[in-house]
Protein backbone atom coordinates (compact mmCIF):
# COMPACT_ATOMS: atom_id res chain seq x y z
CA TRP A 1 1.44 15.77 -1.26
CA ASP A 2 4.75 16.91 -2.56
CA GLN A 3 6.09 13.34 -2.53
CA ALA A 4 3.78 12.14 -5.32
CA PRO A 5 5.32 11.10 -8.66
CA HIS A 6 5.24 13.90 -11.23
CA ALA A 7 5.25 11.72 -14.33
CA ALA A 8 4.07 8.22 -15.19
CA GLU A 9 7.58 6.78 -15.28
CA GLU A 10 8.57 8.19 -11.89
CA GLY A 11 7.88 6.54 -8.60
CA GLN A 12 8.87 6.59 -5.00
CA PRO A 13 11.58 4.41 -3.53
CA VAL A 14 10.49 1.92 -0.91
CA PRO A 15 9.96 3.79 2.37
CA ARG A 16 12.50 2.98 5.07
CA GLY A 17 12.41 3.28 8.83
CA LEU A 18 8.89 1.92 9.28
CA GLY A 19 9.90 -1.02 11.42
CA TYR A 20 10.16 -3.73 8.77
CA ASP A 21 13.92 -3.72 8.21
CA PRO A 22 14.63 -5.94 11.27
CA HIS A 23 12.40 -8.72 9.91
CA GLY A 24 15.37 -10.55 8.43
CA ASP A 25 13.35 -13.73 8.07
CA TRP A 26 10.97 -11.98 5.64
CA PRO A 27 12.00 -11.90 1.98
CA ALA A 28 13.07 -8.40 0.93
CA VAL A 29 10.13 -8.10 -1.47
CA GLU A 30 7.69 -8.75 1.38
CA ARG A 31 9.41 -6.23 3.69
CA ASP A 32 9.20 -3.68 0.88
CA HIS A 33 5.52 -4.50 0.33
CA ALA A 34 4.74 -4.10 4.04
CA ALA A 35 6.63 -0.80 4.18
CA SER A 36 4.78 0.55 1.14
CA VAL A 37 1.36 -0.39 2.52
CA THR A 38 2.26 1.14 5.91
CA TYR A 39 3.46 4.32 4.19
CA LEU A 40 0.23 4.58 2.17
CA ASP A 41 -1.84 3.98 5.32
CA GLY A 42 -0.01 6.85 7.00
CA ARG A 43 -0.65 9.24 4.11
CA VAL A 44 -4.38 8.36 4.09
CA GLY A 45 -4.36 9.01 7.84
CA ASP A 46 -2.73 12.40 7.21
CA LEU A 47 -5.48 13.26 4.74
CA LEU A 48 -8.24 12.26 7.15
CA GLN A 49 -6.58 14.23 9.96
CA THR A 50 -6.35 17.33 7.75
CA LEU A 51 -10.04 17.04 6.90
CA ALA A 52 -10.87 16.76 10.62
CA GLU A 53 -8.70 19.76 11.52
CA ARG A 54 -10.57 21.84 8.96
CA GLY A 55 -13.97 20.60 10.09
CA LEU A 56 -14.60 18.84 6.79
CA GLU A 57 -14.65 15.20 7.89
CA ARG A 58 -18.45 15.01 8.16
CA SER A 59 -19.09 16.66 4.80
CA THR A 60 -16.38 14.96 2.72
CA ALA A 61 -16.48 11.51 1.15
CA VAL A 62 -13.11 9.82 0.76
CA PHE A 63 -12.89 6.87 -1.62
CA PHE A 64 -9.98 4.51 -1.88
CA ALA A 65 -9.72 2.10 -4.78
CA SER A 66 -7.25 -0.65 -5.49
CA ASP A 67 -6.20 -2.11 -8.82
CA ASN A 68 -7.57 -5.65 -8.82
CA GLY A 69 -5.92 -7.13 -5.78
CA ALA A 70 -2.91 -9.28 -5.03
CA HIS A 71 -0.24 -10.11 -7.58
CA GLU A 72 2.70 -12.44 -7.94
CA GLU A 73 5.04 -10.12 -9.82
CA GLY A 74 8.52 -9.29 -8.60
CA GLY A 75 8.77 -12.31 -6.35
CA HIS A 76 5.81 -11.34 -4.15
CA ARG A 77 3.95 -14.40 -2.87
CA ILE A 78 0.24 -13.83 -2.33
CA GLY A 79 0.20 -16.31 0.56
CA PHE A 80 2.85 -14.50 2.61
CA PHE A 81 0.41 -11.93 4.02
CA ASN A 82 -2.74 -13.80 2.97
CA SER A 83 -3.05 -11.06 0.36
CA THR A 84 -6.17 -12.49 -1.25
CA GLY A 85 -8.04 -12.80 2.03
CA GLY A 86 -9.08 -16.32 1.16
CA LEU A 87 -10.45 -15.45 -2.27
CA ARG A 88 -9.45 -17.57 -5.24
CA GLY A 89 -7.00 -16.27 -7.79
CA HIS A 90 -4.98 -13.10 -8.03
CA LYS A 91 -4.24 -10.34 -10.49
CA ARG A 92 -3.95 -11.75 -14.03
CA ALA A 93 -5.38 -15.13 -12.94
CA PHE A 94 -8.27 -16.58 -14.92
CA TYR A 95 -11.33 -18.16 -13.30
């Protein structure tokens, strides 16, 4: 995983070439969000494939955790992809 950030203030640029650039009717922030989720999904798939290739998939537990769900920062709209899945609120919302 040589592409991982090496310090807290570093991060990856938005992945390109994942098929979201042509969606000109999507706001840029939503295209970037979709590309980032697709990129992450691919890296998790790589991990699971590596475990399978080494015969470890049946003896290894893989956990994936998120950080409290959808947000509205940076212009992202939680309704664009139904990011809350029908649940009330979003990150930093009070109920």
